[in-house]
C-alpha atoms as a PDB file:
ATOM      1  CA  UNK A   1       0.000   0.000   0.000  1.00  0.00           C
ATOM      2  CA  UNK A   2       1.329   3.453  -0.941  1.00  0.00           C
ATOM      3  CA  UNK A   3       0.761   6.283   1.512  1.00  0.00           C
ATOM      4  CA  UNK A   4       1.687   9.938   1.498  1.00  0.00           C
ATOM      5  CA  UNK A   5       4.235  11.110   4.019  1.00  0.00           C
ATOM      6  CA  UNK A   6       1.832  13.558   5.624  1.00  0.00           C
ATOM      7  CA  UNK A   7      -1.771  12.919   6.612  1.00  0.00           C
ATOM      8  CA  UNK A   8      -4.622  15.086   7.826  1.00  0.00           C
ATOM      9  CA  UNK A   9      -5.785  13.382  11.030  1.00  0.00           C
ATOM     10  CA  UNK A  10      -9.344  14.716  10.855  1.00  0.00           C
ATOM     11  CA  UNK A  11     -12.040  12.060  11.104  1.00  0.00           C
ATOM     12  CA  UNK A  12     -13.730  11.518   7.737  1.00  0.00           C
ATOM     13  CA  UNK A  13     -17.378  10.735   8.332  1.00  0.00           C
ATOM     14  CA  UNK A  14     -19.384  12.595   5.668  1.00  0.00           C
ATOM     15  CA  UNK A  15     -21.021  10.683   2.880  1.00  0.00           C
ATOM     16  CA  UNK A  16     -18.811  11.096  -0.225  1.00  0.00           C
ATOM     17  CA  UNK A  17     -19.873  13.548  -2.913  1.00  0.00           C
ATOM     18  CA  UNK A  18     -18.761  13.661  -6.553  1.00  0.00           C
ATOM     19  CA  UNK A  19     -18.907  16.816  -8.678  1.00  0.00           C
ATOM     20  CA  UNK A  20     -18.341  16.965 -12.430  1.00  0.00           C
ATOM     21  CA  UNK A  21     -16.318  19.903 -13.778  1.00  0.00           C
ATOM     22  CA  UNK A  22     -15.455  18.487 -17.212  1.00  0.00           C
ATOM     23  CA  UNK A  23     -17.173  15.572 -18.971  1.00  0.00           C
ATOM     24  CA  UNK A  24     -16.079  15.856 -22.611  1.00  0.00           C
ATOM     25  CA  UNK A  25     -13.440  13.705 -24.309  1.00  0.00           C
ATOM     26  CA  UNK A  26     -10.528  14.296 -26.673  1.00  0.00           C
ATOM     27  CA  UNK A  27     -10.831  18.078 -27.078  1.00  0.00           C
ATOM     28  CA  UNK A  28     -12.852  20.845 -25.471  1.00  0.00           C
ATOM     29  CA  UNK A  29     -16.080  21.571 -27.355  1.00  0.00           C
ATOM     30  CA  UNK A  30     -17.619  24.850 -26.167  1.00  0.00           C
ATOM     31  CA  UNK A  31     -20.581  26.405 -27.943  1.00  0.00           C
ATOM     32  CA  UNK A  32     -24.363  26.536 -28.129  1.00  0.00           C
ATOM     33  CA  UNK A  33     -24.660  22.837 -29.076  1.00  0.00           C
ATOM     34  CA  UNK A  34     -22.974  21.667 -25.835  1.00  0.00           C
ATOM     35  CA  UNK A  35     -24.126  24.281 -23.339  1.00  0.00           C
ATOM     36  CA  UNK A  36     -26.295  21.974 -21.193  1.00  0.00           C
ATOM     37  CA  UNK A  37     -23.902  19.033 -20.783  1.00  0.00           C
ATOM     38  CA  UNK A  38     -20.739  21.114 -21.070  1.00  0.00           C
ATOM     39  CA  UNK A  39     -17.752  21.289 -23.355  1.00  0.00           C
ATOM     40  CA  UNK A  40     -14.851  21.021 -20.891  1.00  0.00           C
ATOM     41  CA  UNK A  41     -12.622  17.951 -20.839  1.00  0.00           C
ATOM     42  CA  UNK A  42     -12.251  15.455 -18.012  1.00  0.00           C
ATOM     43  CA  UNK A  43     -12.156  16.731 -14.435  1.00  0.00           C
ATOM     44  CA  UNK A  44     -13.991  15.191 -11.479  1.00  0.00           C
ATOM     45  CA  UNK A  45     -13.924  16.261  -7.816  1.00  0.00           C
ATOM     46  CA  UNK A  46     -14.715  13.865  -4.954  1.00  0.00           C
ATOM     47  CA  UNK A  47     -15.236  15.110  -1.400  1.00  0.00           C
ATOM     48  CA  UNK A  48     -14.680  12.528   1.336  1.00  0.00           C
ATOM     49  CA  UNK A  49     -15.179  14.358   4.608  1.00  0.00           C
ATOM     50  CA  UNK A  50     -12.213  16.733   4.876  1.00  0.00           C
ATOM     51  CA  UNK A  51     -10.367  15.079   1.990  1.00  0.00           C
ATOM     52  CA  UNK A  52     -10.524  16.461  -1.549  1.00  0.00           C
ATOM     53  CA  UNK A  53      -9.708  13.995  -4.325  1.00  0.00           C
ATOM     54  CA  UNK A  54      -9.540  15.034  -7.982  1.00  0.00           C
ATOM     55  CA  UNK A  55      -9.465  12.845 -11.075  1.00  0.00           C
ATOM     56  CA  UNK A  56      -7.791  14.323 -14.157  1.00  0.00           C
ATOM     57  CA  UNK A  57      -6.856  17.877 -15.050  1.00  0.00           C
ATOM     58  CA  UNK A  58      -8.691  18.635 -18.274  1.00  0.00           C
ATOM     59  CA  UNK A  59     -10.026  22.077 -19.105  1.00  0.00           C
ATOM     60  CA  UNK A  60     -12.662  21.696 -16.379  1.00  0.00           C
ATOM     61  CA  UNK A  61      -9.865  22.128 -13.829  1.00  0.00           C
ATOM     62  CA  UNK A  62      -9.721  25.882 -14.408  1.00  0.00           C
ATOM     63  CA  UNK A  63     -13.222  26.560 -13.053  1.00  0.00           C
ATOM     64  CA  UNK A  64     -12.684  24.042 -10.254  1.00  0.00           C
ATOM     65  CA  UNK A  65      -9.487  25.866  -9.291  1.00  0.00           C
ATOM     66  CA  UNK A  66     -11.354  29.148  -9.026  1.00  0.00           C
ATOM     67  CA  UNK A  67     -13.962  27.523  -6.779  1.00  0.00           C
ATOM     68  CA  UNK A  68     -11.278  25.953  -4.577  1.00  0.00           C
ATOM     69  CA  UNK A  69      -9.370  29.226  -4.295  1.00  0.00           C
ATOM     70  CA  UNK A  70     -12.518  30.908  -2.986  1.00  0.00           C
ATOM     71  CA  UNK A  71     -12.756  28.339  -0.167  1.00  0.00           C
ATOM     72  CA  UNK A  72      -9.361  29.229   1.320  1.00  0.00           C
ATOM     73  CA  UNK A  73      -6.151  27.179   1.655  1.00  0.00           C
ATOM     74  CA  UNK A  74      -6.245  23.987  -0.402  1.00  0.00           C
ATOM     75  CA  UNK A  75      -4.905  20.525   0.473  1.00  0.00           C
ATOM     76  CA  UNK A  76      -5.758  17.905  -2.143  1.00  0.00           C
ATOM     77  CA  UNK A  77      -4.712  14.864  -4.168  1.00  0.00           C
ATOM     78  CA  UNK A  78      -5.053  14.790  -7.961  1.00  0.00           C
ATOM     79  CA  UNK A  79      -4.966  11.396  -9.701  1.00  0.00           C
ATOM     80  CA  UNK A  80      -4.314  11.226 -13.437  1.00  0.00           C
ATOM     81  CA  UNK A  81      -5.853   8.475 -15.518  1.00  0.00           C
ATOM     82  CA  UNK A  82      -3.104   9.272 -18.029  1.00  0.00           C
ATOM     83  CA  UNK A  83      -1.402  12.321 -19.478  1.00  0.00           C
ATOM     84  CA  UNK A  84      -2.879  12.713 -22.937  1.00  0.00           C
ATOM     85  CA  UNK A  85      -3.364  16.407 -23.516  1.00  0.00           C
ATOM     86  CA  UNK A  86      -7.114  16.564 -22.903  1.00  0.00           C
ATOM     87  CA  UNK A  87      -6.527  15.204 -19.395  1.00  0.00           C
ATOM     88  CA  UNK A  88      -3.714  17.559 -18.332  1.00  0.00           C
ATOM     89  CA  UNK A  89      -4.158  20.826 -20.228  1.00  0.00           C
ATOM     90  CA  UNK A  90      -6.027  22.511 -17.366  1.00  0.00           C
ATOM     91  CA  UNK A  91      -3.075  22.251 -15.000  1.00  0.00           C
ATOM     92  CA  UNK A  92      -1.254  25.447 -16.099  1.00  0.00           C
ATOM     93  CA  UNK A  93      -4.496  27.360 -15.359  1.00  0.00           C
ATOM     94  CA  UNK A  94      -5.123  25.815 -11.902  1.00  0.00           C
ATOM     95  CA  UNK A  95      -5.225  28.779  -9.507  1.00  0.00           C
ATOM     96  CA  UNK A  96      -4.347  26.803  -6.317  1.00  0.00           C
ATOM     97  CA  UNK A  97      -0.967  25.880  -7.843  1.00  0.00           C
ATOM     98  CA  UNK A  98       0.056  29.543  -7.694  1.00  0.00           C
ATOM     99  CA  UNK A  99      -0.738  30.043  -3.973  1.00  0.00           C
ATOM    100  CA  UNK A 100       2.015  29.193  -1.503  1.00  0.00           C
ATOM    101  CA  UNK A 101      -0.520  28.335   1.213  1.00  0.00           C
ATOM    102  CA  UNK A 102      -1.634  25.222  -0.671  1.00  0.00           C
ATOM    103  CA  UNK A 103      -0.485  21.583  -0.699  1.00  0.00           C
ATOM    104  CA  UNK A 104      -1.052  19.638  -3.903  1.00  0.00           C
ATOM    105  CA  UNK A 105      -0.144  16.011  -4.494  1.00  0.00           C
ATOM    106  CA  UNK A 106      -0.167  14.705  -8.068  1.00  0.00           C
ATOM    107  CA  UNK A 107      -0.303  10.947  -8.778  1.00  0.00           C
ATOM    108  CA  UNK A 108       0.221   8.863 -11.928  1.00  0.00           C
ATOM    109  CA  UNK A 109       0.477   5.119 -12.507  1.00  0.00           C
ATOM    110  CA  UNK A 110       0.527   4.858 -16.304  1.00  0.00           C
ATOM    111  CA  UNK A 111       4.098   5.956 -17.004  1.00  0.00           C
ATOM    112  CA  UNK A 112       6.766   3.423 -18.022  1.00  0.00           C
ATOM    113  CA  UNK A 113       9.236   2.344 -15.355  1.00  0.00           C
ATOM    114  CA  UNK A 114      11.448   5.293 -14.511  1.00  0.00           C
ATOM    115  CA  UNK A 115       8.961   7.783 -15.991  1.00  0.00           C
ATOM    116  CA  UNK A 116       8.519  11.122 -14.259  1.00  0.00           C
ATOM    117  CA  UNK A 117       5.160  12.855 -13.899  1.00  0.00           C
ATOM    118  CA  UNK A 118       6.910  16.107 -13.062  1.00  0.00           C
ATOM    119  CA  UNK A 119       8.932  15.841 -16.274  1.00  0.00           C
ATOM    120  CA  UNK A 120       5.726  15.373 -18.284  1.00  0.00           C
ATOM    121  CA  UNK A 121       4.226  18.533 -16.773  1.00  0.00           C
ATOM    122  CA  UNK A 122       7.492  20.431 -17.221  1.00  0.00           C
ATOM    123  CA  UNK A 123       7.500  19.473 -20.895  1.00  0.00           C
ATOM    124  CA  UNK A 124       3.956  20.755 -21.357  1.00  0.00           C
ATOM    125  CA  UNK A 125       4.749  24.033 -19.582  1.00  0.00           C
ATOM    126  CA  UNK A 126       7.780  24.867 -21.706  1.00  0.00           C
ATOM    127  CA  UNK A 127       8.517  26.663 -24.951  1.00  0.00           C
ATOM    128  CA  UNK A 128       7.166  26.496 -27.577  1.00  0.00           C
ATOM    129  CA  UNK A 129       3.997  25.145 -25.939  1.00  0.00           C
ATOM    130  CA  UNK A 130       3.528  27.472 -22.959  1.00  0.00           C
ATOM    131  CA  UNK A 131       5.141  30.704 -21.729  1.00  0.00           C
ATOM    132  CA  UNK A 132       5.177  30.071 -17.953  1.00  0.00           C
ATOM    133  CA  UNK A 133       7.364  27.325 -16.502  1.00  0.00           C
ATOM    134  CA  UNK A 134       6.386  24.952 -13.729  1.00  0.00           C
ATOM    135  CA  UNK A 135       8.793  26.842 -11.456  1.00  0.00           C
ATOM    136  CA  UNK A 136       6.111  29.522 -11.160  1.00  0.00           C
ATOM    137  CA  UNK A 137       3.972  27.119  -9.119  1.00  0.00           C
ATOM    138  CA  UNK A 138       4.211  28.469  -5.566  1.00  0.00           C
ATOM    139  CA  UNK A 139       2.165  25.759  -3.826  1.00  0.00           C
ATOM    140  CA  UNK A 140       3.850  22.787  -2.184  1.00  0.00           C
ATOM    141  CA  UNK A 141       3.526  20.415  -5.170  1.00  0.00           C
ATOM    142  CA  UNK A 142       4.491  16.755  -4.787  1.00  0.00           C
ATOM    143  CA  UNK A 143       4.662  14.368  -7.762  1.00  0.00           C
ATOM    144  CA  UNK A 144       4.297  10.627  -7.126  1.00  0.00           C
ATOM    145  CA  UNK A 145       4.528   7.726  -9.579  1.00  0.00           C
ATOM    146  CA  UNK A 146       3.109   4.333  -8.636  1.00  0.00           C
ATOM    147  CA  UNK A 147       2.969   0.928 -10.278  1.00  0.00           C
ATOM    148  CA  UNK A 148      -0.415   0.262 -11.842  1.00  0.00           C
ATOM    149  CA  UNK A 149      -2.209  -2.282  -9.666  1.00  0.00           C
ATOM    150  CA  UNK A 150      -1.031  -0.628  -6.460  1.00  0.00           C
ATOM    151  CA  UNK A 151      -3.376   0.150  -3.572  1.00  0.00           C
ATOM    152  CA  UNK A 152      -3.090   3.775  -2.452  1.00  0.00           C
ATOM    153  CA  UNK A 153      -4.107   5.520   0.746  1.00  0.00           C
ATOM    154  CA  UNK A 154      -3.610   9.242   0.143  1.00  0.00           C
ATOM    155  CA  UNK A 155      -5.557  10.273   3.252  1.00  0.00           C
ATOM    156  CA  UNK A 156      -6.786   8.418   6.343  1.00  0.00           C
ATOM    157  CA  UNK A 157      -9.931   6.481   5.506  1.00  0.00           C
ATOM    158  CA  UNK A 158      -9.554   7.032   1.752  1.00  0.00           C
ATOM    159  CA  UNK A 159      -8.357   3.997  -0.200  1.00  0.00           C
ATOM    160  CA  UNK A 160      -7.840   3.661  -3.945  1.00  0.00           C
ATOM    161  CA  UNK A 161      -7.383   0.441  -5.887  1.00  0.00           C
ATOM    162  CA  UNK A 162      -5.964   0.713  -9.402  1.00  0.00           C
ATOM    163  CA  UNK A 163      -6.031  -1.252 -12.640  1.00  0.00           C
ATOM    164  CA  UNK A 164      -4.477  -0.877 -16.090  1.00  0.00           C
ATOM    165  CA  UNK A 165      -6.884   0.198 -18.818  1.00  0.00           C
ATOM    166  CA  UNK A 166      -6.842  -0.579 -22.530  1.00  0.00           C
ATOM    167  CA  UNK A 167      -5.750   2.728 -24.063  1.00  0.00           C
ATOM    168  CA  UNK A 168      -2.865   3.866 -26.289  1.00  0.00           C
ATOM    169  CA  UNK A 169       0.158   4.614 -24.039  1.00  0.00           C
ATOM    170  CA  UNK A 170      -1.951   3.003 -21.250  1.00  0.00           C
ATOM    171  CA  UNK A 171      -4.211   4.582 -18.651  1.00  0.00           C
ATOM    172  CA  UNK A 172      -5.250   3.810 -15.072  1.00  0.00           C
ATOM    173  CA  UNK A 173      -8.690   3.071 -13.682  1.00  0.00           C
ATOM    174  CA  UNK A 174      -9.442   3.819 -10.033  1.00  0.00           C
ATOM    175  CA  UNK A 175     -11.779   2.512  -7.359  1.00  0.00           C
ATOM    176  CA  UNK A 176     -12.113   4.977  -4.471  1.00  0.00           C
ATOM    177  CA  UNK A 177     -13.426   3.561  -1.183  1.00  0.00           C
ATOM    178  CA  UNK A 178     -14.434   5.634   1.825  1.00  0.00           C
ATOM    179  CA  UNK A 179     -16.863   5.076   4.671  1.00  0.00           C
ATOM    180  CA  UNK A 180     -18.216   1.853   3.192  1.00  0.00           C
ATOM    181  CA  UNK A 181     -18.962   3.541  -0.152  1.00  0.00           C
ATOM    182  CA  UNK A 182     -17.201   3.069  -3.477  1.00  0.00           C
ATOM    183  CA  UNK A 183     -16.763   5.039  -6.696  1.00  0.00           C
ATOM    184  CA  UNK A 184     -14.992   3.823  -9.842  1.00  0.00           C
ATOM    185  CA  UNK A 185     -13.429   6.214 -12.362  1.00  0.00           C
ATOM    186  CA  UNK A 186     -12.870   4.310 -15.618  1.00  0.00           C
ATOM    187  CA  UNK A 187     -11.669   6.481 -18.500  1.00  0.00           C
ATOM    188  CA  UNK A 188     -10.098   6.191 -21.125  1.00  0.00           C
ATOM    189  CA  UNK A 189     -10.542   2.526 -21.996  1.00  0.00           C
ATOM    190  CA  UNK A 190     -11.577   0.258 -24.857  1.00  0.00           C
ATOM    191  CA  UNK A 191     -13.610  -2.875 -24.164  1.00  0.00           C
ATOM    192  CA  UNK A 192     -12.336  -6.266 -25.296  1.00  0.00           C
ATOM    193  CA  UNK A 193     -13.932  -8.133 -28.173  1.00  0.00           C
ATOM    194  CA  UNK A 194     -13.749 -11.438 -26.278  1.00  0.00           C
ATOM    195  CA  UNK A 195     -15.576 -10.313 -23.150  1.00  0.00           C
ATOM    196  CA  UNK A 196     -14.967  -8.219 -20.078  1.00  0.00           C
ATOM    197  CA  UNK A 197     -11.421  -7.644 -18.847  1.00  0.00           C
ATOM    198  CA  UNK A 198     -11.313  -9.813 -15.679  1.00  0.00           C
ATOM    199  CA  UNK A 199      -9.185  -7.292 -13.768  1.00  0.00           C
ATOM    200  CA  UNK A 200     -11.513  -4.413 -14.603  1.00  0.00           C
ATOM    201  CA  UNK A 201     -14.585  -6.490 -13.847  1.00  0.00           C
ATOM    202  CA  UNK A 202     -13.194  -7.288 -10.403  1.00  0.00           C
ATOM    203  CA  UNK A 203     -12.256  -3.658  -9.739  1.00  0.00           C
ATOM    204  CA  UNK A 204     -15.774  -2.333 -10.352  1.00  0.00           C
ATOM    205  CA  UNK A 205     -17.657  -5.262  -8.820  1.00  0.00           C
ATOM    206  CA  UNK A 206     -20.411  -4.067  -6.486  1.00  0.00           C
ATOM    207  CA  UNK A 207     -19.445  -0.387  -6.761  1.00  0.00           C
ATOM    208  CA  UNK A 208     -21.988   2.210  -5.695  1.00  0.00           C
ATOM    209  CA  UNK A 209     -21.100   4.436  -8.652  1.00  0.00           C
ATOM    210  CA  UNK A 210     -19.136   3.785 -11.850  1.00  0.00           C
ATOM    211  CA  UNK A 211     -18.041   6.629 -14.139  1.00  0.00           C
ATOM    212  CA  UNK A 212     -17.202   5.036 -17.484  1.00  0.00           C
ATOM    213  CA  UNK A 213     -15.824   6.026 -20.889  1.00  0.00           C
ATOM    214  CA  UNK A 214     -18.903   6.161 -23.135  1.00  0.00           C
ATOM    215  CA  UNK A 215     -17.428   8.057 -26.076  1.00  0.00           C
ATOM    216  CA  UNK A 216     -19.240   6.097 -28.789  1.00  0.00           C
ATOM    217  CA  UNK A 217     -22.388   4.141 -29.463  1.00  0.00           C
ATOM    218  CA  UNK A 218     -22.177   0.482 -30.454  1.00  0.00           C
ATOM    219  CA  UNK A 219     -23.064   1.528 -34.008  1.00  0.00           C
ATOM    220  CA  UNK A 220     -20.259   4.113 -34.186  1.00  0.00           C
ATOM    221  CA  UNK A 221     -17.573   1.950 -32.633  1.00  0.00           C
ATOM    222  CA  UNK A 222     -16.441  -0.571 -35.355  1.00  0.00           C
ATOM    223  CA  UNK A 223     -14.501   1.874 -37.589  1.00  0.00           C
ATOM    224  CA  UNK A 224     -12.926   3.345 -34.452  1.00  0.00           C
ATOM    225  CA  UNK A 225     -11.678   0.074 -32.976  1.00  0.00           C
ATOM    226  CA  UNK A 226      -8.194   0.524 -31.619  1.00  0.00           C
ATOM    227  CA  UNK A 227      -8.688   4.182 -30.721  1.00  0.00           C
ATOM    228  CA  UNK A 228      -8.901   3.349 -27.018  1.00  0.00           C
ATOM    229  CA  UNK A 229     -12.511   4.216 -26.180  1.00  0.00           C
ATOM    230  CA  UNK A 230     -15.730   2.396 -25.375  1.00  0.00           C
ATOM    231  CA  UNK A 231     -19.497   2.767 -25.791  1.00  0.00           C
ATOM    232  CA  UNK A 232     -22.388   3.617 -23.546  1.00  0.00           C
ATOM    233  CA  UNK A 233     -23.962   0.219 -24.205  1.00  0.00           C
ATOM    234  CA  UNK A 234     -20.741  -1.473 -23.096  1.00  0.00           C
ATOM    235  CA  UNK A 235     -20.871   0.613 -19.922  1.00  0.00           C
ATOM    236  CA  UNK A 236     -24.263  -0.892 -19.103  1.00  0.00           C
ATOM    237  CA  UNK A 237     -23.120  -4.417 -19.955  1.00  0.00           C
ATOM    238  CA  UNK A 238     -20.153  -4.051 -17.595  1.00  0.00           C
ATOM    239  CA  UNK A 239     -22.349  -2.550 -14.880  1.00  0.00           C
ATOM    240  CA  UNK A 240     -24.764  -5.482 -15.145  1.00  0.00           C
ATOM    241  CA  UNK A 241     -21.984  -8.078 -15.084  1.00  0.00           C
ATOM    242  CA  UNK A 242     -20.312  -6.485 -12.050  1.00  0.00           C
ATOM    243  CA  UNK A 243     -23.438  -5.593 -10.077  1.00  0.00           C
ATOM    244  CA  UNK A 244     -22.710  -1.861 -10.111  1.00  0.00           C
ATOM    245  CA  UNK A 245     -25.459   0.122  -8.406  1.00  0.00           C
ATOM    246  CA  UNK A 246     -25.400   3.150 -10.718  1.00  0.00           C
ATOM    247  CA  UNK A 247     -23.523   3.881 -13.943  1.00  0.00           C
ATOM    248  CA  UNK A 248     -22.590   7.353 -15.208  1.00  0.00           C
ATOM    249  CA  UNK A 249     -21.792   7.845 -18.909  1.00  0.00           C
ATOM    250  CA  UNK A 250     -18.699  10.040 -19.323  1.00  0.00           C
ATOM    251  CA  UNK A 251     -16.039  11.326 -21.768  1.00  0.00           C
ATOM    252  CA  UNK A 252     -18.576  12.377 -24.379  1.00  0.00           C
ATOM    253  CA  UNK A 253     -17.509  12.526 -28.023  1.00  0.00           C
ATOM    254  CA  UNK A 254     -16.675  16.197 -28.750  1.00  0.00           C
ATOM    255  CA  UNK A 255     -19.199  16.603 -31.583  1.00  0.00           C
ATOM    256  CA  UNK A 256     -22.049  15.041 -29.551  1.00  0.00           C
ATOM    257  CA  UNK A 257     -24.659  17.796 -29.156  1.00  0.00           C
ATOM    258  CA  UNK A 258     -26.962  18.189 -26.182  1.00  0.00           C
ATOM    259  CA  UNK A 259     -29.950  16.750 -28.048  1.00  0.00           C
ATOM    260  CA  UNK A 260     -27.988  13.617 -28.953  1.00  0.00           C
ATOM    261  CA  UNK A 261     -26.946  13.177 -25.328  1.00  0.00           C
ATOM    262  CA  UNK A 262     -30.588  13.603 -24.284  1.00  0.00           C
ATOM    263  CA  UNK A 263     -31.476  10.697 -26.579  1.00  0.00           C
ATOM    264  CA  UNK A 264     -28.679   8.562 -25.130  1.00  0.00           C
ATOM    265  CA  UNK A 265     -29.813   9.465 -21.603  1.00  0.00           C
ATOM    266  CA  UNK A 266     -33.362   8.298 -22.387  1.00  0.00           C
ATOM    267  CA  UNK A 267     -32.199   5.064 -24.031  1.00  0.00           C
ATOM    268  CA  UNK A 268     -29.738   4.286 -21.239  1.00  0.00           C
ATOM    269  CA  UNK A 269     -32.309   4.892 -18.510  1.00  0.00           C
ATOM    270  CA  UNK A 270     -34.776   2.591 -20.262  1.00  0.00           C
ATOM    271  CA  UNK A 271     -32.116  -0.098 -20.622  1.00  0.00           C
ATOM    272  CA  UNK A 272     -30.843   0.262 -17.050  1.00  0.00           C
ATOM    273  CA  UNK A 273     -32.979   2.521 -14.854  1.00  0.00           C
ATOM    274  CA  UNK A 274     -30.978   5.031 -12.840  1.00  0.00           C
ATOM    275  CA  UNK A 275     -28.185   5.396 -15.404  1.00  0.00           C
ATOM    276  CA  UNK A 276     -27.026   8.998 -15.754  1.00  0.00           C
ATOM    277  CA  UNK A 277     -25.222  10.999 -18.417  1.00  0.00           C
ATOM    278  CA  UNK A 278     -22.526  13.155 -16.839  1.00  0.00           C
ATOM    279  CA  UNK A 279     -22.867  16.905 -17.257  1.00  0.00           C
ATOM    280  CA  UNK A 280     -20.899  19.823 -15.910  1.00  0.00           C
ATOM    281  CA  UNK A 281     -22.176  20.931 -12.531  1.00  0.00           C
ATOM    282  CA  UNK A 282     -23.824  17.603 -11.706  1.00  0.00           C
ATOM    283  CA  UNK A 283     -23.347  16.578  -8.076  1.00  0.00           C
ATOM    284  CA  UNK A 284     -24.030  13.116  -6.663  1.00  0.00           C
ATOM    285  CA  UNK A 285     -23.743  11.521  -3.248  1.00  0.00           C
ATOM    286  CA  UNK A 286     -22.774   7.850  -3.226  1.00  0.00           C
END
């Protein structure tokens, strides 16, 4: 089990809450056709008592950072599924990183042996890509790499199990457990043609909430095989097989307009009542 060196000793008793700040995949898609579900890329906040856990740093991280800055000093853990650009490009615009009162811990488990998460971020925040270097971060920023499959305990009472996902350059899926509740964050991943990945099936088994890569429909998927993404129908099949209580469709295809997502929401709820389509600003307790 991997633990951070410093822990907040506060008792964590509140029922966990998840908030969606970015739900789009591949590239941000702002505009009138995406205004209701949102056009920002992947960023999810989970509150477990006094602990703040973030998943991914897509463009949704900017607005989240402004909200966090308004709350006062920030102490949080941010877990990357992987470091493709749509999942990290919000980091240079994350206000808490520029405040010396804050403590930020960044985690990644998808890098090859010897890979450095800090080096990845440094490369993104360097010429000719960006004008401000990572040295301008004034917060206490810690970068931690872990082996995929590790069990992590970033804060007392908060436990994360991890699994490798099927995505180009690899990605990590997470199961967060706190207070007898469980949330799974599964993006970006492509389902197997020969059935469910046994390791992924075991990770999500019996989860209260599963956020899953639902970029495509089953009809759209065949010409996109090998691109590293799944379908909303596959999300429901996995949820059924694993006994997941509630599934949330996530990582929406960038050209998918609000009306198309409404249709998917209706079809998914008919197929598996209680299924939700993630949208910016949505908040759930699990």
